[in-house]
């Protein structure tokens, strides 16, 4: 049972890693529509992963064994694979997040320059012309 759940989690992680790598390439090539198309797929995979992880947690918490005996050799191998895939997904997701933040920042700056919007700051703002009256 646990081995099956670990394999399912690893399959989901592999799919997330593959999609994230595709999104990284798409953002580099300015293929933003492809990234938007993957959002729902990745959200569904994340939900499936969370459910599978919860099932794994429940199985492990119900095993009344010492920590060193909790896994069979096959389960231990699959769990090591799980940790490696989780780490790889984390690294890929960080890279994607950095790239998407940079692109978002670029587009927002460009839009503000085109529209001539003044950035809102709170430094030395003159609020004496306010219509708000404060009574003590």
Protein backbone atom coordinates (compact mmCIF):
# COMPACT_ATOMS: atom_id res chain seq x y z
CA UNK A 1 0.00 0.00 0.00
CA UNK A 2 2.72 2.49 1.02
CA UNK A 3 4.88 1.53 -1.93
CA UNK A 4 1.97 2.19 -4.29
CA UNK A 5 1.32 5.63 -2.72
CA UNK A 6 5.00 6.56 -2.93
CA UNK A 7 5.08 5.55 -6.59
CA UNK A 8 1.98 7.67 -7.24
CA UNK A 9 3.55 10.65 -5.47
CA UNK A 10 6.73 10.23 -7.52
CA UNK A 11 4.75 10.08 -10.74
CA UNK A 12 2.94 13.30 -9.82
CA UNK A 13 6.24 14.97 -8.95
CA UNK A 14 7.73 13.87 -12.27
CA UNK A 15 4.77 15.43 -14.08
CA UNK A 16 5.13 18.67 -12.09
CA UNK A 17 8.85 18.80 -12.82
CA UNK A 18 8.26 18.23 -16.53
CA UNK A 19 5.60 20.95 -16.71
CA UNK A 20 7.73 23.38 -14.72
CA UNK A 21 10.70 22.81 -17.03
CA UNK A 22 8.43 23.43 -20.03
CA UNK A 23 7.16 26.61 -18.37
CA UNK A 24 10.74 27.77 -17.81
CA UNK A 25 11.50 27.30 -21.51
CA UNK A 26 8.20 28.96 -22.46
CA UNK A 27 8.90 32.01 -20.32
CA UNK A 28 12.36 32.34 -21.88
CA UNK A 29 10.74 32.27 -25.33
CA UNK A 30 7.89 34.61 -24.31
CA UNK A 31 5.28 31.90 -24.94
CA UNK A 32 3.10 33.08 -22.09
CA UNK A 33 -0.09 31.46 -23.34
CA UNK A 34 1.50 28.04 -22.91
CA UNK A 35 2.30 28.90 -19.30
CA UNK A 36 -1.27 30.02 -18.67
CA UNK A 37 -2.55 26.78 -20.21
CA UNK A 38 -0.48 24.75 -17.71
CA UNK A 39 -1.79 26.52 -14.62
CA UNK A 40 -4.93 24.42 -14.20
CA UNK A 41 -3.04 21.20 -14.91
CA UNK A 42 -0.42 22.07 -12.28
CA UNK A 43 -3.11 23.04 -9.77
CA UNK A 44 -4.82 19.66 -10.23
CA UNK A 45 -1.51 17.85 -9.87
CA UNK A 46 -0.75 19.82 -6.70
CA UNK A 47 -4.10 18.78 -5.21
CA UNK A 48 -3.47 15.13 -6.16
CA UNK A 49 0.01 15.35 -4.64
CA UNK A 50 -1.31 16.83 -1.40
CA UNK A 51 -3.94 14.10 -1.10
CA UNK A 52 -1.40 11.38 -1.82
CA UNK A 53 1.06 12.87 0.66
CA UNK A 54 -1.66 12.92 3.32
CA UNK A 55 -2.37 9.24 2.62
CA UNK A 56 1.35 8.47 2.97
CA UNK A 57 1.44 10.37 6.26
CA UNK A 58 -1.55 8.40 7.55
CA UNK A 59 0.00 5.06 6.59
CA UNK A 60 3.28 5.97 8.28
CA UNK A 61 1.62 7.28 11.42
CA UNK A 62 -0.40 4.06 11.76
CA UNK A 63 2.69 1.85 11.63
CA UNK A 64 3.73 1.08 15.18
CA UNK A 65 7.35 0.32 14.45
CA UNK A 66 10.65 1.94 15.38
CA UNK A 67 11.81 4.51 12.86
CA UNK A 68 14.52 2.27 11.41
CA UNK A 69 11.94 -0.48 10.72
CA UNK A 70 9.18 1.70 9.26
CA UNK A 71 10.10 1.02 5.60
CA UNK A 72 10.66 -2.16 3.70
CA UNK A 73 13.78 -2.03 1.48
CA UNK A 74 11.60 -1.31 -1.58
CA UNK A 75 9.70 1.43 0.25
CA UNK A 76 12.94 2.97 1.47
CA UNK A 77 14.28 3.10 -2.09
CA UNK A 78 11.05 4.69 -3.34
CA UNK A 79 11.09 7.15 -0.43
CA UNK A 80 14.64 8.22 -1.33
CA UNK A 81 13.44 8.77 -4.88
CA UNK A 82 10.53 10.79 -3.45
CA UNK A 83 12.91 13.05 -1.51
CA UNK A 84 15.13 13.58 -4.56
CA UNK A 85 12.17 14.42 -6.80
CA UNK A 86 10.74 16.78 -4.20
CA UNK A 87 14.09 18.57 -4.00
CA UNK A 88 14.34 18.79 -7.79
CA UNK A 89 10.79 20.16 -8.05
CA UNK A 90 11.60 22.73 -5.37
CA UNK A 91 14.66 23.90 -7.32
CA UNK A 92 12.80 24.06 -10.63
CA UNK A 93 9.88 25.90 -9.04
CA UNK A 94 12.23 28.46 -7.47
CA UNK A 95 13.82 29.11 -10.86
CA UNK A 96 10.41 29.46 -12.51
CA UNK A 97 9.27 31.83 -9.74
CA UNK A 98 12.33 34.05 -10.19
CA UNK A 99 11.83 34.20 -13.94
CA UNK A 100 8.10 34.90 -13.72
CA UNK A 101 8.68 37.60 -11.10
CA UNK A 102 11.27 39.26 -13.35
CA UNK A 103 8.96 39.17 -16.37
CA UNK A 104 6.03 40.49 -14.32
CA UNK A 105 8.18 43.30 -12.96
CA UNK A 106 9.41 44.14 -16.47
CA UNK A 107 5.87 44.30 -17.90
CA UNK A 108 4.57 46.37 -14.98
CA UNK A 109 7.44 48.84 -15.33
CA UNK A 110 6.92 49.04 -19.08
CA UNK A 111 3.18 49.56 -18.66
CA UNK A 112 3.75 52.32 -16.12
CA UNK A 113 6.16 54.07 -18.47
CA UNK A 114 3.76 53.82 -21.41
CA UNK A 115 0.77 55.01 -19.42
CA UNK A 116 2.80 57.62 -17.58
CA UNK A 117 1.58 56.44 -14.22
CA UNK A 118 3.24 57.96 -11.22
CA UNK A 119 4.42 55.39 -8.75
CA UNK A 120 2.68 55.62 -5.40
CA UNK A 121 5.04 56.37 -2.57
CA UNK A 122 4.46 57.46 0.98
CA UNK A 123 7.48 59.71 1.22
CA UNK A 124 6.82 63.41 1.86
CA UNK A 125 3.20 63.15 0.81
CA UNK A 126 1.23 66.33 1.33
CA UNK A 127 -1.99 65.42 3.06
CA UNK A 128 -2.86 68.92 4.29
CA UNK A 129 -5.26 69.39 1.37
CA UNK A 130 -7.33 66.48 2.51
CA UNK A 131 -11.08 66.98 2.83
CA UNK A 132 -11.02 64.79 5.95
CA UNK A 133 -11.53 66.75 9.17
CA UNK A 134 -10.35 65.29 12.43
CA UNK A 135 -11.93 66.38 15.68
CA UNK A 136 -10.22 65.85 18.97
